[in-house]
Amino acid sequence: MVEDTLSTGKSSYEAVRALQQAGVDVLAVLTILSYDFDVAMQKMRETGVPVYRLVSYHDLVRVAVAVGVIPETEVDLLMKWREAPDSFVAAQK
């Protein structure tokens, strides 16, 4: 199965489960971008289907800094967001 972005894993999990229930042997999930959130990786482990990504969040940030889209001074903030996105906005207020 091909997915554009793997964030929480909910939609990928539901799609894999639906395919499996329909008798499809899902060999893997390929995502273009993964935030590598623990919750997503856990959900996908529950399906028994391996996940492969083309680009990780860390790679995306690293390249964005290298080409000047994101200043180096913002990297720590972006990594803090990735660690706890649900509570990040509240913590910044």
PDB file of N, CA and C in Angstrom:
ATOM      1  N   MET A   1       0.837  -1.156   0.000  1.00  0.00           N
ATOM      2  CA  MET A   1       0.000   0.000   0.000  1.00  0.00           C
ATOM      3  C   MET A   1       0.891   1.231   0.000  1.00  0.00           C
ATOM      4  N   VAL A   2       0.517   2.249  -0.751  1.00  0.00           N
ATOM      5  CA  VAL A   2       1.294   3.484  -0.824  1.00  0.00           C
ATOM      6  C   VAL A   2       0.523   4.584  -0.111  1.00  0.00           C
ATOM      7  N   GLU A   3       1.234   5.317   0.724  1.00  0.00           N
ATOM      8  CA  GLU A   3       0.663   6.402   1.523  1.00  0.00           C
ATOM      9  C   GLU A   3       1.504   7.653   1.271  1.00  0.00           C
ATOM     10  N   ASP A   4       0.868   8.818   1.208  1.00  0.00           N
ATOM     11  CA  ASP A   4       1.658  10.034   0.990  1.00  0.00           C
ATOM     12  C   ASP A   4       2.411  10.442   2.246  1.00  0.00           C
ATOM     13  N   THR A   5       1.719  10.484   3.391  1.00  0.00           N
ATOM     14  CA  THR A   5       2.338  10.904   4.645  1.00  0.00           C
ATOM     15  C   THR A   5       1.853  10.009   5.769  1.00  0.00           C
ATOM     16  N   LEU A   6       2.769   9.572   6.594  1.00  0.00           N
ATOM     17  CA  LEU A   6       2.411   8.781   7.773  1.00  0.00           C
ATOM     18  C   LEU A   6       2.631   9.656   8.992  1.00  0.00           C
ATOM     19  N   SER A   7       1.521  10.055   9.617  1.00  0.00           N
ATOM     20  CA  SER A   7       1.651  10.883  10.817  1.00  0.00           C
ATOM     21  C   SER A   7       1.217  10.072  12.027  1.00  0.00           C
ATOM     22  N   THR A   8      -0.079  10.046  12.342  1.00  0.00           N
ATOM     23  CA  THR A   8      -0.535   9.276  13.510  1.00  0.00           C
ATOM     24  C   THR A   8      -0.675   7.795  13.206  1.00  0.00           C
ATOM     25  N   GLY A   9      -0.765   7.456  11.932  1.00  0.00           N
ATOM     26  CA  GLY A   9      -0.912   6.059  11.537  1.00  0.00           C
ATOM     27  C   GLY A   9      -2.344   5.578  11.471  1.00  0.00           C
ATOM     28  N   LYS A  10      -3.281   6.406  11.898  1.00  0.00           N
ATOM     29  CA  LYS A  10      -4.681   5.980  11.968  1.00  0.00           C
ATOM     30  C   LYS A  10      -5.238   5.570  10.597  1.00  0.00           C
ATOM     31  N   SER A  11      -5.093   6.421   9.599  1.00  0.00           N
ATOM     32  CA  SER A  11      -5.681   6.098   8.288  1.00  0.00           C
ATOM     33  C   SER A  11      -4.964   4.917   7.636  1.00  0.00           C
ATOM     34  N   SER A  12      -3.653   4.840   7.803  1.00  0.00           N
ATOM     35  CA  SER A  12      -2.916   3.703   7.246  1.00  0.00           C
ATOM     36  C   SER A  12      -3.322   2.411   7.935  1.00  0.00           C
ATOM     37  N   TYR A  13      -3.440   2.463   9.246  1.00  0.00           N
ATOM     38  CA  TYR A  13      -3.859   1.298  10.025  1.00  0.00           C
ATOM     39  C   TYR A  13      -5.229   0.816   9.552  1.00  0.00           C
ATOM     40  N   GLU A  14      -6.171   1.742   9.446  1.00  0.00           N
ATOM     41  CA  GLU A  14      -7.533   1.382   9.021  1.00  0.00           C
ATOM     42  C   GLU A  14      -7.545   0.824   7.601  1.00  0.00           C
ATOM     43  N   ALA A  15      -6.754   1.396   6.713  1.00  0.00           N
ATOM     44  CA  ALA A  15      -6.701   0.910   5.336  1.00  0.00           C
ATOM     45  C   ALA A  15      -6.110  -0.496   5.270  1.00  0.00           C
ATOM     46  N   VAL A  16      -5.015  -0.714   5.999  1.00  0.00           N
ATOM     47  CA  VAL A  16      -4.397  -2.043   6.007  1.00  0.00           C
ATOM     48  C   VAL A  16      -5.364  -3.059   6.585  1.00  0.00           C
ATOM     49  N   ARG A  17      -6.008  -2.729   7.691  1.00  0.00           N
ATOM     50  CA  ARG A  17      -6.960  -3.660   8.314  1.00  0.00           C
ATOM     51  C   ARG A  17      -8.128  -3.971   7.364  1.00  0.00           C
ATOM     52  N   ALA A  18      -8.633  -2.978   6.675  1.00  0.00           N
ATOM     53  CA  ALA A  18      -9.735  -3.197   5.730  1.00  0.00           C
ATOM     54  C   ALA A  18      -9.286  -4.103   4.582  1.00  0.00           C
ATOM     55  N   LEU A  19      -8.098  -3.869   4.069  1.00  0.00           N
ATOM     56  CA  LEU A  19      -7.575  -4.721   3.004  1.00  0.00           C
ATOM     57  C   LEU A  19      -7.377  -6.151   3.496  1.00  0.00           C
ATOM     58  N   GLN A  20      -6.836  -6.294   4.685  1.00  0.00           N
ATOM     59  CA  GLN A  20      -6.628  -7.626   5.247  1.00  0.00           C
ATOM     60  C   GLN A  20      -7.965  -8.348   5.443  1.00  0.00           C
ATOM     61  N   GLN A  21      -8.960  -7.632   5.932  1.00  0.00           N
ATOM     62  CA  GLN A  21     -10.282  -8.243   6.136  1.00  0.00           C
ATOM     63  C   GLN A  21     -10.928  -8.644   4.818  1.00  0.00           C
ATOM     64  N   ALA A  22     -10.539  -7.957   3.738  1.00  0.00           N
ATOM     65  CA  ALA A  22     -11.061  -8.284   2.410  1.00  0.00           C
ATOM     66  C   ALA A  22     -10.257  -9.414   1.761  1.00  0.00           C
ATOM     67  N   GLY A  23      -9.275  -9.938   2.492  1.00  0.00           N
ATOM     68  CA  GLY A  23      -8.499 -11.054   1.977  1.00  0.00           C
ATOM     69  C   GLY A  23      -7.241 -10.677   1.228  1.00  0.00           C
ATOM     70  N   VAL A  24      -6.898  -9.411   1.244  1.00  0.00           N
ATOM     71  CA  VAL A  24      -5.698  -8.949   0.543  1.00  0.00           C
ATOM     72  C   VAL A  24      -4.471  -9.197   1.423  1.00  0.00           C
ATOM     73  N   ASP A  25      -3.431  -9.723   0.838  1.00  0.00           N
ATOM     74  CA  ASP A  25      -2.170  -9.919   1.542  1.00  0.00           C
ATOM     75  C   ASP A  25      -1.347  -8.645   1.365  1.00  0.00           C
ATOM     76  N   VAL A  26      -1.408  -7.770   2.344  1.00  0.00           N
ATOM     77  CA  VAL A  26      -0.678  -6.500   2.281  1.00  0.00           C
ATOM     78  C   VAL A  26       0.775  -6.794   2.643  1.00  0.00           C
ATOM     79  N   LEU A  27       1.658  -6.594   1.705  1.00  0.00           N
ATOM     80  CA  LEU A  27       3.069  -6.929   1.906  1.00  0.00           C
ATOM     81  C   LEU A  27       3.831  -5.857   2.672  1.00  0.00           C
ATOM     82  N   ALA A  28       3.449  -4.592   2.458  1.00  0.00           N
ATOM     83  CA  ALA A  28       4.146  -3.484   3.112  1.00  0.00           C
ATOM     84  C   ALA A  28       3.361  -2.200   2.905  1.00  0.00           C
ATOM     85  N   VAL A  29       3.705  -1.222   3.707  1.00  0.00           N
ATOM     86  CA  VAL A  29       3.213   0.138   3.507  1.00  0.00           C
ATOM     87  C   VAL A  29       4.420   0.981   3.132  1.00  0.00           C
ATOM     88  N   LEU A  30       4.313   1.690   2.025  1.00  0.00           N
ATOM     89  CA  LEU A  30       5.356   2.602   1.584  1.00  0.00           C
ATOM     90  C   LEU A  30       4.813   4.013   1.715  1.00  0.00           C
ATOM     91  N   THR A  31       5.484   4.826   2.495  1.00  0.00           N
ATOM     92  CA  THR A  31       5.063   6.210   2.649  1.00  0.00           C
ATOM     93  C   THR A  31       6.146   7.135   2.107  1.00  0.00           C
ATOM     94  N   ILE A  32       5.718   8.221   1.526  1.00  0.00           N
ATOM     95  CA  ILE A  32       6.677   9.184   0.998  1.00  0.00           C
ATOM     96  C   ILE A  32       7.369   9.896   2.162  1.00  0.00           C
ATOM     97  N   LEU A  33       6.573  10.410   3.111  1.00  0.00           N
ATOM     98  CA  LEU A  33       7.117  11.115   4.272  1.00  0.00           C
ATOM     99  C   LEU A  33       6.566  10.490   5.532  1.00  0.00           C
ATOM    100  N   SER A  34       7.418  10.269   6.501  1.00  0.00           N
ATOM    101  CA  SER A  34       6.978   9.802   7.815  1.00  0.00           C
ATOM    102  C   SER A  34       7.534  10.728   8.879  1.00  0.00           C
ATOM    103  N   TYR A  35       6.654  11.114   9.799  1.00  0.00           N
ATOM    104  CA  TYR A  35       7.099  11.899  10.948  1.00  0.00           C
ATOM    105  C   TYR A  35       7.749  10.987  11.991  1.00  0.00           C
ATOM    106  N   ASP A  36       7.630   9.690  11.810  1.00  0.00           N
ATOM    107  CA  ASP A  36       8.196   8.693  12.728  1.00  0.00           C
ATOM    108  C   ASP A  36       7.670   8.846  14.153  1.00  0.00           C
ATOM    109  N   PHE A  37       6.390   9.220  14.264  1.00  0.00           N
ATOM    110  CA  PHE A  37       5.775   9.305  15.587  1.00  0.00           C
ATOM    111  C   PHE A  37       5.654   7.903  16.164  1.00  0.00           C
ATOM    112  N   ASP A  38       5.953   7.753  17.438  1.00  0.00           N
ATOM    113  CA  ASP A  38       5.861   6.452  18.097  1.00  0.00           C
ATOM    114  C   ASP A  38       4.480   5.833  17.952  1.00  0.00           C
ATOM    115  N   VAL A  39       3.443   6.652  18.073  1.00  0.00           N
ATOM    116  CA  VAL A  39       2.071   6.140  17.987  1.00  0.00           C
ATOM    117  C   VAL A  39       1.804   5.506  16.618  1.00  0.00           C
ATOM    118  N   ALA A  40       2.346   6.087  15.576  1.00  0.00           N
ATOM    119  CA  ALA A  40       2.148   5.538  14.227  1.00  0.00           C
ATOM    120  C   ALA A  40       2.886   4.220  14.062  1.00  0.00           C
ATOM    121  N   MET A  41       4.100   4.175  14.547  1.00  0.00           N
ATOM    122  CA  MET A  41       4.883   2.943  14.417  1.00  0.00           C
ATOM    123  C   MET A  41       4.226   1.806  15.209  1.00  0.00           C
ATOM    124  N   GLN A  42       3.672   2.123  16.376  1.00  0.00           N
ATOM    125  CA  GLN A  42       2.981   1.107  17.183  1.00  0.00           C
ATOM    126  C   GLN A  42       1.733   0.601  16.452  1.00  0.00           C
ATOM    127  N   LYS A  43       0.946   1.518  15.902  1.00  0.00           N
ATOM    128  CA  LYS A  43      -0.266   1.118  15.163  1.00  0.00           C
ATOM    129  C   LYS A  43       0.099   0.198  13.999  1.00  0.00           C
ATOM    130  N   MET A  44       1.141   0.533  13.292  1.00  0.00           N
ATOM    131  CA  MET A  44       1.511  -0.268  12.137  1.00  0.00           C
ATOM    132  C   MET A  44       2.077  -1.619  12.560  1.00  0.00           C
ATOM    133  N   ARG A  45       2.780  -1.684  13.687  1.00  0.00           N
ATOM    134  CA  ARG A  45       3.265  -2.979  14.191  1.00  0.00           C
ATOM    135  C   ARG A  45       2.085  -3.903  14.493  1.00  0.00           C
ATOM    136  N   GLU A  46       0.980  -3.325  14.946  1.00  0.00           N
ATOM    137  CA  GLU A  46      -0.213  -4.123  15.251  1.00  0.00           C
ATOM    138  C   GLU A  46      -0.758  -4.818  14.006  1.00  0.00           C
ATOM    139  N   THR A  47      -0.518  -4.277  12.831  1.00  0.00           N
ATOM    140  CA  THR A  47      -1.011  -4.893  11.596  1.00  0.00           C
ATOM    141  C   THR A  47      -0.105  -6.023  11.130  1.00  0.00           C
ATOM    142  N   GLY A  48       1.133  -6.045  11.623  1.00  0.00           N
ATOM    143  CA  GLY A  48       2.091  -7.046  11.172  1.00  0.00           C
ATOM    144  C   GLY A  48       2.679  -6.743   9.808  1.00  0.00           C
ATOM    145  N   VAL A  49       2.448  -5.529   9.318  1.00  0.00           N
ATOM    146  CA  VAL A  49       2.925  -5.134   7.995  1.00  0.00           C
ATOM    147  C   VAL A  49       4.088  -4.152   8.161  1.00  0.00           C
ATOM    148  N   PRO A  50       5.218  -4.407   7.524  1.00  0.00           N
ATOM    149  CA  PRO A  50       6.340  -3.476   7.645  1.00  0.00           C
ATOM    150  C   PRO A  50       6.060  -2.146   6.951  1.00  0.00           C
ATOM    151  N   VAL A  51       6.678  -1.101   7.475  1.00  0.00           N
ATOM    152  CA  VAL A  51       6.533   0.241   6.907  1.00  0.00           C
ATOM    153  C   VAL A  51       7.894   0.694   6.393  1.00  0.00           C
ATOM    154  N   TYR A  52       7.892   1.219   5.180  1.00  0.00           N
ATOM    155  CA  TYR A  52       9.097   1.785   4.588  1.00  0.00           C
ATOM    156  C   TYR A  52       8.810   3.224   4.208  1.00  0.00           C
ATOM    157  N   ARG A  53       9.761   4.097   4.430  1.00  0.00           N
ATOM    158  CA  ARG A  53       9.573   5.502   4.092  1.00  0.00           C
ATOM    159  C   ARG A  53      10.670   5.966   3.153  1.00  0.00           C
ATOM    160  N   LEU A  54      10.311   6.908   2.301  1.00  0.00           N
ATOM    161  CA  LEU A  54      11.311   7.507   1.420  1.00  0.00           C
ATOM    162  C   LEU A  54      12.039   8.636   2.130  1.00  0.00           C
ATOM    163  N   VAL A  55      11.311   9.416   2.933  1.00  0.00           N
ATOM    164  CA  VAL A  55      11.886  10.571   3.620  1.00  0.00           C
ATOM    165  C   VAL A  55      11.391  10.593   5.059  1.00  0.00           C
ATOM    166  N   SER A  56      12.321  10.756   5.981  1.00  0.00           N
ATOM    167  CA  SER A  56      11.936  10.919   7.389  1.00  0.00           C
ATOM    168  C   SER A  56      11.819  12.414   7.701  1.00  0.00           C
ATOM    169  N   TYR A  57      11.165  12.716   8.794  1.00  0.00           N
ATOM    170  CA  TYR A  57      11.045  14.104   9.244  1.00  0.00           C
ATOM    171  C   TYR A  57      12.431  14.713   9.453  1.00  0.00           C
ATOM    172  N   HIS A  58      13.317  13.956  10.078  1.00  0.00           N
ATOM    173  CA  HIS A  58      14.672  14.455  10.327  1.00  0.00           C
ATOM    174  C   HIS A  58      15.390  14.781   9.016  1.00  0.00           C
ATOM    175  N   ASP A  59      15.228  13.913   8.022  1.00  0.00           N
ATOM    176  CA  ASP A  59      15.848  14.170   6.714  1.00  0.00           C
ATOM    177  C   ASP A  59      15.256  15.423   6.067  1.00  0.00           C
ATOM    178  N   LEU A  60      13.943  15.566   6.173  1.00  0.00           N
ATOM    179  CA  LEU A  60      13.271  16.725   5.593  1.00  0.00           C
ATOM    180  C   LEU A  60      13.798  18.018   6.211  1.00  0.00           C
ATOM    181  N   VAL A  61      13.907  18.041   7.525  1.00  0.00           N
ATOM    182  CA  VAL A  61      14.418  19.232   8.209  1.00  0.00           C
ATOM    183  C   VAL A  61      15.871  19.493   7.819  1.00  0.00           C
ATOM    184  N   ARG A  62      16.679  18.451   7.805  1.00  0.00           N
ATOM    185  CA  ARG A  62      18.097  18.595   7.451  1.00  0.00           C
ATOM    186  C   ARG A  62      18.269  19.185   6.048  1.00  0.00           C
ATOM    187  N   VAL A  63      17.517  18.685   5.092  1.00  0.00           N
ATOM    188  CA  VAL A  63      17.619  19.193   3.716  1.00  0.00           C
ATOM    189  C   VAL A  63      17.070  20.616   3.630  1.00  0.00           C
ATOM    190  N   ALA A  64      15.982  20.886   4.332  1.00  0.00           N
ATOM    191  CA  ALA A  64      15.416  22.240   4.320  1.00  0.00           C
ATOM    192  C   ALA A  64      16.416  23.261   4.858  1.00  0.00           C
ATOM    193  N   VAL A  65      17.174  22.878   5.875  1.00  0.00           N
ATOM    194  CA  VAL A  65      18.231  23.755   6.401  1.00  0.00           C
ATOM    195  C   VAL A  65      19.346  23.906   5.358  1.00  0.00           C
ATOM    196  N   ALA A  66      19.745  22.806   4.752  1.00  0.00           N
ATOM    197  CA  ALA A  66      20.847  22.822   3.786  1.00  0.00           C
ATOM    198  C   ALA A  66      20.558  23.714   2.580  1.00  0.00           C
ATOM    199  N   VAL A  67      19.297  23.752   2.149  1.00  0.00           N
ATOM    200  CA  VAL A  67      18.968  24.580   0.978  1.00  0.00           C
ATOM    201  C   VAL A  67      18.464  25.974   1.365  1.00  0.00           C
ATOM    202  N   GLY A  68      18.443  26.260   2.675  1.00  0.00           N
ATOM    203  CA  GLY A  68      18.099  27.603   3.130  1.00  0.00           C
ATOM    204  C   GLY A  68      16.634  27.888   3.323  1.00  0.00           C
ATOM    205  N   VAL A  69      15.797  26.868   3.328  1.00  0.00           N
ATOM    206  CA  VAL A  69      14.364  27.075   3.532  1.00  0.00           C
ATOM    207  C   VAL A  69      14.047  27.307   5.012  1.00  0.00           C
ATOM    208  N   ILE A  70      14.810  26.658   5.866  1.00  0.00           N
ATOM    209  CA  ILE A  70      14.640  26.787   7.314  1.00  0.00           C
ATOM    210  C   ILE A  70      15.978  27.218   7.908  1.00  0.00           C
ATOM    211  N   PRO A  71      15.952  28.249   8.760  1.00  0.00           N
ATOM    212  CA  PRO A  71      17.221  28.636   9.392  1.00  0.00           C
ATOM    213  C   PRO A  71      17.645  27.616  10.447  1.00  0.00           C
ATOM    214  N   GLU A  72      18.923  27.436  10.605  1.00  0.00           N
ATOM    215  CA  GLU A  72      19.484  26.495  11.579  1.00  0.00           C
ATOM    216  C   GLU A  72      18.943  26.761  12.983  1.00  0.00           C
ATOM    217  N   THR A  73      18.657  28.013  13.264  1.00  0.00           N
ATOM    218  CA  THR A  73      18.173  28.381  14.598  1.00  0.00           C
ATOM    219  C   THR A  73      16.792  27.807  14.912  1.00  0.00           C
ATOM    220  N   GLU A  74      16.068  27.326  13.919  1.00  0.00           N
ATOM    221  CA  GLU A  74      14.721  26.775  14.121  1.00  0.00           C
ATOM    222  C   GLU A  74      14.710  25.257  14.303  1.00  0.00           C
ATOM    223  N   VAL A  75      15.835  24.598  14.101  1.00  0.00           N
ATOM    224  CA  VAL A  75      15.878  23.134  14.132  1.00  0.00           C
ATOM    225  C   VAL A  75      15.459  22.578  15.493  1.00  0.00           C
ATOM    226  N   ASP A  76      15.974  23.134  16.572  1.00  0.00           N
ATOM    227  CA  ASP A  76      15.598  22.638  17.906  1.00  0.00           C
ATOM    228  C   ASP A  76      14.095  22.739  18.128  1.00  0.00           C
ATOM    229  N   LEU A  77      13.506  23.850  17.719  1.00  0.00           N
ATOM    230  CA  LEU A  77      12.066  24.039  17.863  1.00  0.00           C
ATOM    231  C   LEU A  77      11.295  22.993  17.063  1.00  0.00           C
ATOM    232  N   LEU A  78      11.728  22.725  15.844  1.00  0.00           N
ATOM    233  CA  LEU A  78      11.067  21.727  15.007  1.00  0.00           C
ATOM    234  C   LEU A  78      11.191  20.327  15.599  1.00  0.00           C
ATOM    235  N   MET A  79      12.319  20.018  16.182  1.00  0.00           N
ATOM    236  CA  MET A  79      12.503  18.702  16.802  1.00  0.00           C
ATOM    237  C   MET A  79      11.665  18.573  18.080  1.00  0.00           C
ATOM    238  N   LYS A  80      11.518  19.657  18.819  1.00  0.00           N
ATOM    239  CA  LYS A  80      10.652  19.637  20.010  1.00  0.00           C
ATOM    240  C   LYS A  80       9.202  19.389  19.592  1.00  0.00           C
ATOM    241  N   TRP A  81       8.776  20.014  18.491  1.00  0.00           N
ATOM    242  CA  TRP A  81       7.421  19.778  17.994  1.00  0.00           C
ATOM    243  C   TRP A  81       7.223  18.300  17.666  1.00  0.00           C
ATOM    244  N   ARG A  82       8.208  17.688  17.006  1.00  0.00           N
ATOM    245  CA  ARG A  82       8.087  16.300  16.606  1.00  0.00           C
ATOM    246  C   ARG A  82       7.970  15.368  17.812  1.00  0.00           C
ATOM    247  N   GLU A  83       8.600  15.718  18.906  1.00  0.00           N
ATOM    248  CA  GLU A  83       8.538  14.880  20.110  1.00  0.00           C
ATOM    249  C   GLU A  83       7.172  14.899  20.770  1.00  0.00           C
ATOM    250  N   ALA A  84       6.443  16.011  20.682  1.00  0.00           N
ATOM    251  CA  ALA A  84       5.131  16.110  21.348  1.00  0.00           C
ATOM    252  C   ALA A  84       4.230  17.099  20.610  1.00  0.00           C
ATOM    253  N   PRO A  85       3.804  16.752  19.398  1.00  0.00           N
ATOM    254  CA  PRO A  85       3.016  17.710  18.604  1.00  0.00           C
ATOM    255  C   PRO A  85       1.677  18.094  19.229  1.00  0.00           C
ATOM    256  N   ASP A  86       1.042  17.164  19.948  1.00  0.00           N
ATOM    257  CA  ASP A  86      -0.260  17.466  20.543  1.00  0.00           C
ATOM    258  C   ASP A  86      -0.180  18.517  21.635  1.00  0.00           C
ATOM    259  N   SER A  87       0.902  18.533  22.368  1.00  0.00           N
ATOM    260  CA  SER A  87       1.031  19.486  23.466  1.00  0.00           C
ATOM    261  C   SER A  87       1.915  20.676  23.114  1.00  0.00           C
ATOM    262  N   PHE A  88       2.456  20.691  21.929  1.00  0.00           N
ATOM    263  CA  PHE A  88       3.418  21.723  21.540  1.00  0.00           C
ATOM    264  C   PHE A  88       2.804  23.108  21.523  1.00  0.00           C
ATOM    265  N   VAL A  89       1.657  23.275  20.904  1.00  0.00           N
ATOM    266  CA  VAL A  89       1.040  24.604  20.773  1.00  0.00           C
ATOM    267  C   VAL A  89       0.721  25.167  22.146  1.00  0.00           C
ATOM    268  N   ALA A  90       0.150  24.360  23.013  1.00  0.00           N
ATOM    269  CA  ALA A  90      -0.190  24.829  24.352  1.00  0.00           C
ATOM    270  C   ALA A  90       1.050  25.249  25.121  1.00  0.00           C
ATOM    271  N   ALA A  91       2.131  24.513  24.952  1.00  0.00           N
ATOM    272  CA  ALA A  91       3.373  24.816  25.677  1.00  0.00           C
ATOM    273  C   ALA A  91       4.026  26.107  25.178  1.00  0.00           C
ATOM    274  N   GLN A  92       3.746  26.491  23.944  1.00  0.00           N
ATOM    275  CA  GLN A  92       4.357  27.688  23.366  1.00  0.00           C
ATOM    276  C   GLN A  92       3.610  28.965  23.733  1.00  0.00           C
ATOM    277  N   LYS A  93       2.407  28.827  24.291  1.00  0.00           N
ATOM    278  CA  LYS A  93       1.596  30.030  24.629  1.00  0.00           C
ATOM    279  C   LYS A  93       1.976  30.574  25.962  1.00  0.00           C
TER     280      LYS A  93
END
